[in-house]
Amino acid sequence: MDDELYNSVDRYYQVDEFTAREKLAIEFGERFAIDHTTIDDEFWSRCAEHFNEQELLELTVVAGFCVGMGRAFQVLDIAVDFDVLWSREPAVS
């Protein structure tokens, strides 16, 4: 993944270079981090079209770890070495 594609992740739903599977994984991470209550049966059904049960478990565990570590870093005031494009609203709901 080149820098341009990496920096476009906040607009994943508009970027053709991301596959449908990648877009869904990004949307999952976004929903998990911002409003986990939107991960409903309809969304799980969409996920099941692209991921098997093992992959969904792994995606959930990784998202949980990343969100948890991000919150721990924030609480501990640990600086990050790169700019983060923060958004409080999910791009897609």
C-alpha atoms as a PDB file:
ATOM      1  CA  MET A   1       0.000   0.000   0.000  1.00  0.00           C
ATOM      2  CA  ASP A   2       1.510   3.318  -1.004  1.00  0.00           C
ATOM      3  CA  ASP A   3       1.265   6.531   1.036  1.00  0.00           C
ATOM      4  CA  GLU A   4      -1.478   7.999  -1.144  1.00  0.00           C
ATOM      5  CA  LEU A   5      -3.760   5.006  -0.646  1.00  0.00           C
ATOM      6  CA  TYR A   6      -2.911   4.831   3.069  1.00  0.00           C
ATOM      7  CA  ASN A   7      -3.791   8.508   3.485  1.00  0.00           C
ATOM      8  CA  SER A   8      -7.120   8.003   1.716  1.00  0.00           C
ATOM      9  CA  VAL A   9      -8.426   5.447   4.216  1.00  0.00           C
ATOM     10  CA  ASP A  10     -10.750   8.060   5.740  1.00  0.00           C
ATOM     11  CA  ARG A  11     -12.479   8.220   2.334  1.00  0.00           C
ATOM     12  CA  TYR A  12     -12.391   4.463   1.734  1.00  0.00           C
ATOM     13  CA  TYR A  13     -15.955   4.319   0.408  1.00  0.00           C
ATOM     14  CA  GLN A  14     -14.963   6.693  -2.439  1.00  0.00           C
ATOM     15  CA  VAL A  15     -11.627   5.087  -3.348  1.00  0.00           C
ATOM     16  CA  ASP A  16     -11.772   2.450  -6.088  1.00  0.00           C
ATOM     17  CA  GLU A  17      -8.361   1.014  -5.172  1.00  0.00           C
ATOM     18  CA  PHE A  18      -9.814  -0.562  -2.016  1.00  0.00           C
ATOM     19  CA  THR A  19     -11.539  -3.887  -2.644  1.00  0.00           C
ATOM     20  CA  ALA A  20     -15.071  -4.489  -1.370  1.00  0.00           C
ATOM     21  CA  ARG A  21     -13.563  -6.703   1.346  1.00  0.00           C
ATOM     22  CA  GLU A  22     -11.074  -4.003   2.393  1.00  0.00           C
ATOM     23  CA  LYS A  23     -13.813  -1.373   2.458  1.00  0.00           C
ATOM     24  CA  LEU A  24     -15.926  -3.589   4.686  1.00  0.00           C
ATOM     25  CA  ALA A  25     -12.992  -4.229   7.050  1.00  0.00           C
ATOM     26  CA  ILE A  26     -12.340  -0.482   7.291  1.00  0.00           C
ATOM     27  CA  GLU A  27     -16.033   0.165   7.910  1.00  0.00           C
ATOM     28  CA  PHE A  28     -15.996  -2.512  10.618  1.00  0.00           C
ATOM     29  CA  GLY A  29     -13.054  -0.825  12.349  1.00  0.00           C
ATOM     30  CA  GLU A  30     -14.714   2.560  12.067  1.00  0.00           C
ATOM     31  CA  ARG A  31     -18.010   1.308  13.501  1.00  0.00           C
ATOM     32  CA  PHE A  32     -16.214  -0.636  16.246  1.00  0.00           C
ATOM     33  CA  ALA A  33     -14.226   2.423  17.314  1.00  0.00           C
ATOM     34  CA  ILE A  34     -16.873   5.130  16.958  1.00  0.00           C
ATOM     35  CA  ASP A  35     -20.287   3.525  17.468  1.00  0.00           C
ATOM     36  CA  HIS A  36     -20.170  -0.215  18.047  1.00  0.00           C
ATOM     37  CA  THR A  37     -23.969  -0.345  18.416  1.00  0.00           C
ATOM     38  CA  THR A  38     -24.238   0.039  14.626  1.00  0.00           C
ATOM     39  CA  ILE A  39     -22.701  -3.419  14.206  1.00  0.00           C
ATOM     40  CA  ASP A  40     -26.103  -5.043  13.892  1.00  0.00           C
ATOM     41  CA  ASP A  41     -27.440  -8.190  12.221  1.00  0.00           C
ATOM     42  CA  GLU A  42     -27.627  -6.503   8.817  1.00  0.00           C
ATOM     43  CA  PHE A  43     -23.985  -5.434   9.043  1.00  0.00           C
ATOM     44  CA  TRP A  44     -22.897  -8.918  10.235  1.00  0.00           C
ATOM     45  CA  SER A  45     -24.713 -10.395   7.226  1.00  0.00           C
ATOM     46  CA  ARG A  46     -22.749  -8.124   4.893  1.00  0.00           C
ATOM     47  CA  CYS A  47     -19.534  -9.102   6.677  1.00  0.00           C
ATOM     48  CA  ALA A  48     -20.361 -12.811   6.333  1.00  0.00           C
ATOM     49  CA  GLU A  49     -20.462 -12.370   2.550  1.00  0.00           C
ATOM     50  CA  HIS A  50     -16.735 -11.491   2.560  1.00  0.00           C
ATOM     51  CA  PHE A  51     -15.255 -13.047   5.722  1.00  0.00           C
ATOM     52  CA  ASN A  52     -15.508 -16.470   7.318  1.00  0.00           C
ATOM     53  CA  GLU A  53     -16.135 -16.897  11.066  1.00  0.00           C
ATOM     54  CA  GLN A  54     -12.420 -17.157  11.901  1.00  0.00           C
ATOM     55  CA  GLU A  55     -11.652 -13.960   9.987  1.00  0.00           C
ATOM     56  CA  LEU A  56     -14.519 -12.115  11.707  1.00  0.00           C
ATOM     57  CA  LEU A  57     -13.193 -13.227  15.088  1.00  0.00           C
ATOM     58  CA  GLU A  58      -9.694 -12.032  14.172  1.00  0.00           C
ATOM     59  CA  LEU A  59     -11.018  -8.727  12.827  1.00  0.00           C
ATOM     60  CA  THR A  60     -12.956  -8.159  16.056  1.00  0.00           C
ATOM     61  CA  VAL A  61      -9.994  -9.016  18.292  1.00  0.00           C
ATOM     62  CA  VAL A  62      -7.609  -6.771  16.336  1.00  0.00           C
ATOM     63  CA  ALA A  63     -10.113  -3.893  16.356  1.00  0.00           C
ATOM     64  CA  GLY A  64     -10.613  -4.325  20.099  1.00  0.00           C
ATOM     65  CA  PHE A  65      -6.868  -4.365  20.723  1.00  0.00           C
ATOM     66  CA  CYS A  66      -6.260  -1.261  18.610  1.00  0.00           C
ATOM     67  CA  VAL A  67      -9.113   0.706  20.175  1.00  0.00           C
ATOM     68  CA  GLY A  68      -8.004  -0.352  23.643  1.00  0.00           C
ATOM     69  CA  MET A  69      -4.380   0.598  23.034  1.00  0.00           C
ATOM     70  CA  GLY A  70      -5.403   3.926  21.522  1.00  0.00           C
ATOM     71  CA  ARG A  71      -7.451   4.720  24.603  1.00  0.00           C
ATOM     72  CA  ALA A  72      -4.634   3.631  26.909  1.00  0.00           C
ATOM     73  CA  PHE A  73      -2.176   5.872  25.036  1.00  0.00           C
ATOM     74  CA  GLN A  74      -4.613   8.773  25.335  1.00  0.00           C
ATOM     75  CA  VAL A  75      -5.118   8.215  29.073  1.00  0.00           C
ATOM     76  CA  LEU A  76      -1.365   7.949  29.627  1.00  0.00           C
ATOM     77  CA  ASP A  77      -0.709  10.952  27.359  1.00  0.00           C
ATOM     78  CA  ILE A  78       1.683   8.958  25.219  1.00  0.00           C
ATOM     79  CA  ALA A  79       2.487  10.957  22.092  1.00  0.00           C
ATOM     80  CA  VAL A  80       2.222   9.473  18.632  1.00  0.00           C
ATOM     81  CA  ASP A  81       4.947  10.040  16.064  1.00  0.00           C
ATOM     82  CA  PHE A  82       2.599  10.785  13.173  1.00  0.00           C
ATOM     83  CA  ASP A  83      -0.383  12.943  12.376  1.00  0.00           C
ATOM     84  CA  VAL A  84      -3.739  11.283  12.872  1.00  0.00           C
ATOM     85  CA  LEU A  85      -6.785  12.419  10.927  1.00  0.00           C
ATOM     86  CA  TRP A  86      -9.396  12.286  13.686  1.00  0.00           C
ATOM     87  CA  SER A  87     -13.083  12.044  12.953  1.00  0.00           C
ATOM     88  CA  ARG A  88     -15.864  11.717  15.487  1.00  0.00           C
ATOM     89  CA  GLU A  89     -18.499  10.660  12.989  1.00  0.00           C
ATOM     90  CA  PRO A  90     -18.523   7.406  11.018  1.00  0.00           C
ATOM     91  CA  ALA A  91     -18.111   8.015   7.312  1.00  0.00           C
ATOM     92  CA  VAL A  92     -20.835   5.484   6.538  1.00  0.00           C
ATOM     93  CA  SER A  93     -23.730   4.516   8.739  1.00  0.00           C
END
